[in-house]
Each structure stands twice: as structure tokens, then as C-alpha cells.
Amino acid sequence: MNPKDPRLNGWKYKSFNLNDIQHSKVISDLGFIKKHTQLKEKTIFMNLLTKEVERIENEQGDHNIIAV
């Protein structure tokens, strides 16, 4: 491998298999968010994941409080 290969520098990759309709929607939505926020796609992706994890944790926390 080339010494500039990102995999040698600790970069990891994640890919998704999308059909044409899903791919078009993802590209469109990312473009819209990028245009209005000036964020990079990686940042948008990480923000969405973080918010979803927080939402799920809060939901589970709410159930635990009600169950007690």
C-alpha cells in the first residue's frame, strides 16, 4: 500500500448499500443541510447519530423513571 493510504493513518470507512431512490434522497438531503449550515457531510452524519443516541437514551430514561 502507498504510505499516504488513509488506512495506514488510522482512517476507517463505513459504506451503505442504497437503491437509486434512497441514494437520490440522501444526496438531496445532505446537499440541503450543507447549503443551509455550511457543515461537511461527515459532521452532519456524526451530529445526526449523536442526536439519535441522545433521543433513545432520553426515551429509555423516561421509561425507567415511570417504571420506578
N, C-alpha and C. Protein backbone atom coordinates (compact mmCIF):
# COMPACT_ATOMS: atom_id res chain seq x y z
N MET A 1 0.84 -1.19 0.00
CA MET A 1 0.00 0.00 0.00
C MET A 1 0.88 1.25 0.00
N ASN A 2 0.35 2.29 -0.60
CA ASN A 2 1.02 3.57 -0.65
C ASN A 2 1.10 4.15 0.78
N PRO A 3 2.25 4.75 1.17
CA PRO A 3 2.36 5.30 2.53
C PRO A 3 1.35 6.41 2.82
N LYS A 4 0.77 7.00 1.79
CA LYS A 4 -0.26 8.02 2.01
C LYS A 4 -1.66 7.43 2.06
N ASP A 5 -1.75 6.10 2.00
CA ASP A 5 -3.04 5.42 2.07
C ASP A 5 -3.70 5.75 3.42
N PRO A 6 -4.93 6.32 3.41
CA PRO A 6 -5.59 6.70 4.66
C PRO A 6 -5.73 5.56 5.66
N ARG A 7 -5.85 4.33 5.16
CA ARG A 7 -5.99 3.20 6.08
C ARG A 7 -4.76 3.01 6.95
N LEU A 8 -3.60 3.40 6.43
CA LEU A 8 -2.36 3.30 7.20
C LEU A 8 -2.28 4.39 8.27
N ASN A 9 -3.07 5.42 8.13
CA ASN A 9 -3.07 6.52 9.09
C ASN A 9 -4.22 6.42 10.08
N GLY A 10 -4.87 5.27 10.16
CA GLY A 10 -5.92 5.05 11.15
C GLY A 10 -7.33 5.40 10.71
N TRP A 11 -7.52 5.77 9.45
CA TRP A 11 -8.86 6.09 8.98
C TRP A 11 -9.67 4.82 8.81
N LYS A 12 -10.93 4.88 9.15
CA LYS A 12 -11.86 3.75 8.98
C LYS A 12 -12.97 4.18 8.04
N TYR A 13 -13.58 3.23 7.38
CA TYR A 13 -14.62 3.52 6.40
C TYR A 13 -15.90 2.77 6.73
N LYS A 14 -17.02 3.38 6.42
CA LYS A 14 -18.34 2.76 6.56
C LYS A 14 -19.11 3.07 5.30
N SER A 15 -19.71 2.07 4.71
CA SER A 15 -20.49 2.31 3.50
C SER A 15 -21.88 1.70 3.66
N PHE A 16 -22.81 2.20 2.85
CA PHE A 16 -24.19 1.73 2.89
C PHE A 16 -24.61 1.38 1.47
N ASN A 17 -25.34 0.31 1.33
CA ASN A 17 -25.91 -0.04 0.03
C ASN A 17 -27.30 0.56 -0.05
N LEU A 18 -27.48 1.46 -1.02
CA LEU A 18 -28.75 2.13 -1.21
C LEU A 18 -29.26 1.88 -2.62
N ASN A 19 -30.58 1.82 -2.75
CA ASN A 19 -31.12 1.74 -4.10
C ASN A 19 -31.11 3.15 -4.70
N ASP A 20 -31.49 3.29 -5.94
CA ASP A 20 -31.41 4.59 -6.62
C ASP A 20 -32.25 5.66 -5.93
N ILE A 21 -33.42 5.30 -5.45
CA ILE A 21 -34.31 6.27 -4.80
C ILE A 21 -33.72 6.72 -3.47
N GLN A 22 -33.25 5.76 -2.66
CA GLN A 22 -32.64 6.10 -1.39
C GLN A 22 -31.40 6.97 -1.59
N HIS A 23 -30.57 6.60 -2.55
CA HIS A 23 -29.35 7.36 -2.82
C HIS A 23 -29.68 8.80 -3.22
N SER A 24 -30.66 8.96 -4.08
CA SER A 24 -31.07 10.29 -4.51
C SER A 24 -31.55 11.12 -3.32
N LYS A 25 -32.33 10.51 -2.44
CA LYS A 25 -32.85 11.21 -1.25
C LYS A 25 -31.71 11.61 -0.32
N VAL A 26 -30.77 10.71 -0.07
CA VAL A 26 -29.64 11.01 0.80
C VAL A 26 -28.82 12.16 0.24
N ILE A 27 -28.50 12.11 -1.05
CA ILE A 27 -27.70 13.16 -1.68
C ILE A 27 -28.45 14.49 -1.63
N SER A 28 -29.73 14.46 -1.90
CA SER A 28 -30.55 15.68 -1.86
C SER A 28 -30.59 16.26 -0.46
N ASP A 29 -30.85 15.42 0.53
CA ASP A 29 -30.94 15.89 1.92
C ASP A 29 -29.60 16.42 2.42
N LEU A 30 -28.52 15.72 2.12
CA LEU A 30 -27.20 16.20 2.52
C LEU A 30 -26.88 17.53 1.86
N GLY A 31 -27.21 17.65 0.60
CA GLY A 31 -26.98 18.91 -0.11
C GLY A 31 -27.76 20.06 0.52
N PHE A 32 -29.00 19.79 0.88
CA PHE A 32 -29.84 20.81 1.52
C PHE A 32 -29.24 21.24 2.85
N ILE A 33 -28.85 20.27 3.69
CA ILE A 33 -28.28 20.58 5.00
C ILE A 33 -26.96 21.32 4.85
N LYS A 34 -26.10 20.85 3.92
CA LYS A 34 -24.82 21.51 3.69
C LYS A 34 -25.02 22.96 3.25
N LYS A 35 -25.97 23.19 2.37
CA LYS A 35 -26.23 24.54 1.84
C LYS A 35 -26.66 25.49 2.95
N HIS A 36 -27.47 25.00 3.88
CA HIS A 36 -28.03 25.87 4.91
C HIS A 36 -27.18 25.94 6.17
N THR A 37 -26.22 25.04 6.35
CA THR A 37 -25.42 25.03 7.58
C THR A 37 -23.93 25.22 7.33
N GLN A 38 -23.48 25.01 6.09
CA GLN A 38 -22.06 25.04 5.74
C GLN A 38 -21.25 23.95 6.45
N LEU A 39 -21.94 22.91 6.95
CA LEU A 39 -21.25 21.79 7.59
C LEU A 39 -20.81 20.78 6.54
N LYS A 40 -19.76 20.01 6.87
CA LYS A 40 -19.32 18.93 5.99
C LYS A 40 -20.21 17.71 6.22
N GLU A 41 -20.26 16.83 5.23
CA GLU A 41 -21.12 15.64 5.31
C GLU A 41 -20.78 14.79 6.53
N LYS A 42 -19.50 14.65 6.84
CA LYS A 42 -19.09 13.85 8.00
C LYS A 42 -19.66 14.44 9.29
N THR A 43 -19.62 15.76 9.40
CA THR A 43 -20.14 16.43 10.59
C THR A 43 -21.64 16.26 10.69
N ILE A 44 -22.34 16.38 9.57
CA ILE A 44 -23.79 16.18 9.55
C ILE A 44 -24.11 14.76 10.01
N PHE A 45 -23.41 13.79 9.47
CA PHE A 45 -23.63 12.39 9.82
C PHE A 45 -23.40 12.16 11.31
N MET A 46 -22.28 12.67 11.83
CA MET A 46 -21.97 12.47 13.25
C MET A 46 -22.99 13.17 14.14
N ASN A 47 -23.42 14.38 13.75
CA ASN A 47 -24.44 15.10 14.53
C ASN A 47 -25.76 14.33 14.57
N LEU A 48 -26.16 13.79 13.42
CA LEU A 48 -27.40 13.02 13.38
C LEU A 48 -27.33 11.79 14.27
N LEU A 49 -26.20 11.09 14.23
CA LEU A 49 -26.04 9.91 15.08
C LEU A 49 -26.06 10.28 16.55
N THR A 50 -25.35 11.34 16.91
CA THR A 50 -25.31 11.78 18.31
C THR A 50 -26.70 12.14 18.81
N LYS A 51 -27.45 12.88 18.00
CA LYS A 51 -28.80 13.28 18.40
C LYS A 51 -29.73 12.07 18.54
N GLU A 52 -29.58 11.09 17.67
CA GLU A 52 -30.42 9.89 17.75
C GLU A 52 -30.09 9.07 18.99
N VAL A 53 -28.81 8.95 19.30
CA VAL A 53 -28.40 8.22 20.52
C VAL A 53 -28.96 8.94 21.75
N GLU A 54 -28.83 10.26 21.80
CA GLU A 54 -29.36 11.03 22.93
C GLU A 54 -30.86 10.87 23.05
N ARG A 55 -31.56 10.88 21.92
CA ARG A 55 -33.02 10.71 21.94
C ARG A 55 -33.40 9.36 22.52
N ILE A 56 -32.71 8.32 22.08
CA ILE A 56 -33.01 6.96 22.56
C ILE A 56 -32.68 6.84 24.04
N GLU A 57 -31.54 7.40 24.46
CA GLU A 57 -31.17 7.35 25.89
C GLU A 57 -32.19 8.09 26.74
N ASN A 58 -32.66 9.24 26.26
CA ASN A 58 -33.67 10.00 27.00
C ASN A 58 -34.99 9.26 27.06
N GLU A 59 -35.36 8.60 25.96
CA GLU A 59 -36.58 7.81 25.93
C GLU A 59 -36.50 6.67 26.94
N GLN A 60 -35.38 5.98 26.95
CA GLN A 60 -35.20 4.87 27.89
C GLN A 60 -35.17 5.39 29.32
N GLY A 61 -34.55 6.55 29.53
CA GLY A 61 -34.52 7.16 30.85
C GLY A 61 -35.92 7.50 31.33
N ASP A 62 -36.76 8.01 30.42
CA ASP A 62 -38.14 8.34 30.78
C ASP A 62 -38.90 7.09 31.19
N HIS A 63 -38.69 5.99 30.48
CA HIS A 63 -39.37 4.74 30.82
C HIS A 63 -38.91 4.22 32.18
N ASN A 64 -37.63 4.36 32.46
CA ASN A 64 -37.11 3.90 33.74
C ASN A 64 -37.69 4.71 34.90
N ILE A 65 -37.88 6.00 34.70
CA ILE A 65 -38.45 6.84 35.76
C ILE A 65 -39.90 6.46 35.98
N ILE A 66 -40.65 6.25 34.92
CA ILE A 66 -42.07 5.89 35.05
C ILE A 66 -42.21 4.52 35.70
N ALA A 67 -41.32 3.58 35.39
CA ALA A 67 -41.42 2.22 35.91
C ALA A 67 -41.09 2.16 37.39
N VAL A 68 -40.35 3.13 37.92
CA VAL A 68 -39.93 3.09 39.31
C VAL A 68 -41.02 3.47 40.23
